[in-house]
Protein backbone atom coordinates (compact mmCIF):
# COMPACT_ATOMS: atom_id res chain seq x y z
CA MET A 1 26.62 7.08 -4.76
CA ALA A 2 26.20 3.47 -3.59
CA GLY A 3 26.38 4.56 0.04
CA ALA A 4 23.60 7.08 -0.50
CA SER A 5 21.50 4.44 -2.24
CA LEU A 6 21.98 2.06 0.68
CA LEU A 7 20.98 4.76 3.16
CA THR A 8 17.92 5.58 1.04
CA LEU A 9 16.96 1.91 0.97
CA LEU A 10 17.40 1.62 4.75
CA ASP A 11 15.32 4.76 5.22
CA ASP A 12 12.56 3.25 3.04
CA ILE A 13 12.66 0.04 5.06
CA ALA A 14 12.47 1.96 8.34
CA MET A 15 9.49 3.98 7.09
CA LEU A 16 7.80 0.79 5.90
CA LEU A 17 8.30 -0.87 9.30
CA ASP A 18 6.93 2.26 10.96
CA ASP A 19 3.85 2.06 8.71
CA VAL A 20 3.41 -1.62 9.62
CA ALA A 21 3.63 -0.78 13.33
CA VAL A 22 1.05 2.01 13.01
CA LEU A 23 -1.32 -0.15 10.96
CA SER A 24 -0.92 -3.02 13.45
CA LYS A 25 -1.84 -0.67 16.28
CA VAL A 26 -4.89 0.57 14.36
CA ALA A 27 -5.95 -3.01 13.54
CA ALA A 28 -5.59 -4.06 17.19
CA LYS A 29 -7.66 -1.06 18.31
CA LYS A 30 -10.38 -1.82 15.80
CA THR A 31 -10.42 -5.50 16.73
CA ALA A 32 -10.73 -4.62 20.42
CA GLY A 33 -13.55 -2.21 19.54
CA VAL A 34 -15.43 -4.86 17.56
CA LEU A 35 -15.00 -7.45 20.29
CA GLY A 36 -16.04 -4.98 22.96
CA ASP A 37 -19.10 -4.11 20.92
CA ASP A 38 -19.97 -7.79 20.51
CA LEU A 39 -19.62 -8.35 24.25
CA ALA A 40 -21.80 -5.34 25.02
CA VAL A 41 -24.50 -6.49 22.58
CA ASN A 42 -24.47 -9.99 24.04
CA ALA A 43 -24.66 -8.70 27.60
CA GLU A 44 -27.54 -6.40 26.65
CA GLN A 45 -29.40 -9.19 24.89
CA LEU A 46 -29.04 -11.53 27.83
CA SER A 47 -29.80 -9.09 30.62
CA GLY A 48 -33.31 -8.94 31.87
CA GLY A 49 -36.02 -11.53 31.76
CA ILE A 50 -34.59 -14.24 29.48
CA ARG A 51 -35.22 -17.76 30.66
CA ALA A 52 -32.20 -19.97 31.18
CA ASP A 53 -33.20 -22.31 28.33
CA ARG A 54 -33.29 -19.31 25.90
CA GLU A 55 -29.84 -17.89 26.72
CA LEU A 56 -27.81 -20.03 24.32
CA PRO A 57 -30.29 -19.69 21.41
CA VAL A 58 -30.16 -15.90 21.84
CA VAL A 59 -26.34 -15.95 21.90
CA TRP A 60 -26.41 -18.17 18.78
CA ALA A 61 -28.76 -15.74 16.99
CA VAL A 62 -26.57 -12.75 17.86
CA PHE A 63 -23.47 -14.68 16.77
CA LYS A 64 -25.02 -15.46 13.37
CA GLY A 65 -26.00 -11.81 12.90
CA SER A 66 -22.54 -10.65 13.89
CA MET A 67 -20.89 -13.12 11.50
CA LEU A 68 -23.17 -11.96 8.66
CA ASN A 69 -22.20 -8.34 9.35
CA LYS A 70 -18.52 -9.26 9.36
CA ALA A 71 -18.94 -11.28 6.16
CA ILE A 72 -20.18 -8.09 4.53
CA LEU A 73 -17.93 -5.50 6.19
CA VAL A 74 -14.58 -7.32 6.27
CA PRO A 75 -14.37 -7.78 2.47
CA ILE A 76 -15.15 -4.09 2.05
CA ALA A 77 -12.34 -3.21 4.47
CA LEU A 78 -10.00 -5.58 2.65
CA LEU A 79 -10.95 -3.97 -0.63
CA PHE A 80 -9.76 -0.64 0.75
CA SER A 81 -6.56 -2.32 1.90
CA PHE A 82 -6.24 -3.82 -1.61
CA VAL A 83 -6.48 -0.14 -3.08
CA ALA A 84 -3.46 0.68 -0.70
CA ILE A 85 -1.58 -2.44 -1.97
CA LEU A 86 -2.21 -1.41 -5.58
CA MET A 87 -0.91 2.08 -4.80
CA THR A 88 2.25 0.61 -3.27
CA VAL A 89 2.78 -1.64 -6.31
CA GLY A 90 2.20 1.36 -8.57
CA VAL A 91 4.65 3.56 -6.71
CA TYR A 92 7.39 0.94 -6.70
CA GLY A 93 6.67 0.18 -10.36
CA LEU A 94 7.22 3.86 -11.09
CA VAL A 95 10.44 3.78 -9.03
CA ALA A 96 11.65 0.76 -11.01
CA GLY A 97 10.85 2.58 -14.25
CA ILE A 98 12.79 5.65 -13.12
CA VAL A 99 15.76 3.54 -12.06
CA LYS A 100 15.84 1.75 -15.43
CA ILE A 101 15.11 4.82 -17.61
CA ASP A 102 18.71 5.03 -18.79
CA ASP A 103 18.75 1.34 -19.78
CA GLY A 104 15.53 1.85 -21.75
CA GLY A 105 17.04 4.88 -23.46
CA LEU A 106 20.16 2.90 -24.31
CA ALA A 107 18.04 0.17 -25.88
CA LEU A 108 16.27 2.78 -28.01
CA ILE A 109 19.60 4.32 -29.08
CA LYS A 110 20.73 0.92 -30.37
CA ASP A 111 17.77 0.77 -32.80
CA LYS A 112 19.49 0.71 -36.24
CA SER A 113 16.30 1.19 -38.23
CA THR A 114 16.51 3.94 -40.87
CA SER A 115 12.79 4.62 -40.80
CA LEU A 116 11.26 7.73 -39.25
CA PHE A 117 10.17 5.57 -36.30
CA GLY A 118 13.78 4.36 -35.81
CA LYS A 119 15.08 7.94 -35.85
CA PHE A 120 12.42 8.94 -33.34
CA ASN A 121 13.41 6.00 -31.10
CA ARG A 122 17.08 7.03 -31.16
CA SER A 123 16.21 10.66 -30.37
CA LEU A 124 13.93 9.59 -27.54
CA GLY A 125 16.66 7.25 -26.24
CA GLN A 126 19.24 10.03 -26.26
CA PHE A 127 16.83 12.28 -24.40
CA MET A 128 16.15 9.56 -21.83
CA VAL A 129 19.85 8.81 -21.25
CA GLY A 130 20.70 12.53 -21.07
CA SER A 131 17.89 13.41 -18.68
CA ALA A 132 18.23 10.42 -16.33
CA PRO A 133 20.98 11.96 -14.12
CA LYS A 134 19.10 15.29 -13.96
CA LEU A 135 15.89 13.47 -13.02
CA MET A 136 17.70 11.54 -10.27
CA LYS A 137 19.19 14.74 -8.85
CA PHE A 138 15.80 16.46 -8.95
CA LEU A 139 14.12 13.52 -7.20
CA ALA A 140 16.82 13.46 -4.52
CA VAL A 141 16.29 17.17 -3.78
CA ALA A 142 12.48 16.90 -4.00
CA GLY A 143 12.50 13.81 -1.75
CA THR A 144 14.68 15.53 0.82
CA PHE A 145 12.44 18.58 0.76
CA ALA A 146 9.28 16.50 1.06
CA PHE A 147 10.75 14.47 3.92
CA ASN A 148 11.61 17.64 5.86
CA VAL A 149 8.26 19.37 5.34
């Protein structure tokens, strides 16, 4: 079982590195697109009948406008990237919960309270401990199926 867990972990790391490579490629493409757009705008602004003493003020004005646009758009893009970070944290939080479900069930089983709440806790704990191996097997099959689809 430990060997399978190690291979699963290595597979997760490989998929994560693949995601990083893809996102890096996308970010580089977008950066090149933004820079190319800035260069095209600057060239367009400066072509034609602009006097030599007006060239730098025009470049400065375009630069300020471009920076203002980026000050607005970049935080919005980062916000979307934040949603992706929250999803990753949520998914791995769920994975941690699944991995520790049997420990949580064991803690509930150890509740010695004689109240109705204590009895419920023990029953819930027994269910959690009993269903943990079945859940793990189901997730292994479902994960394999999803990976191959």
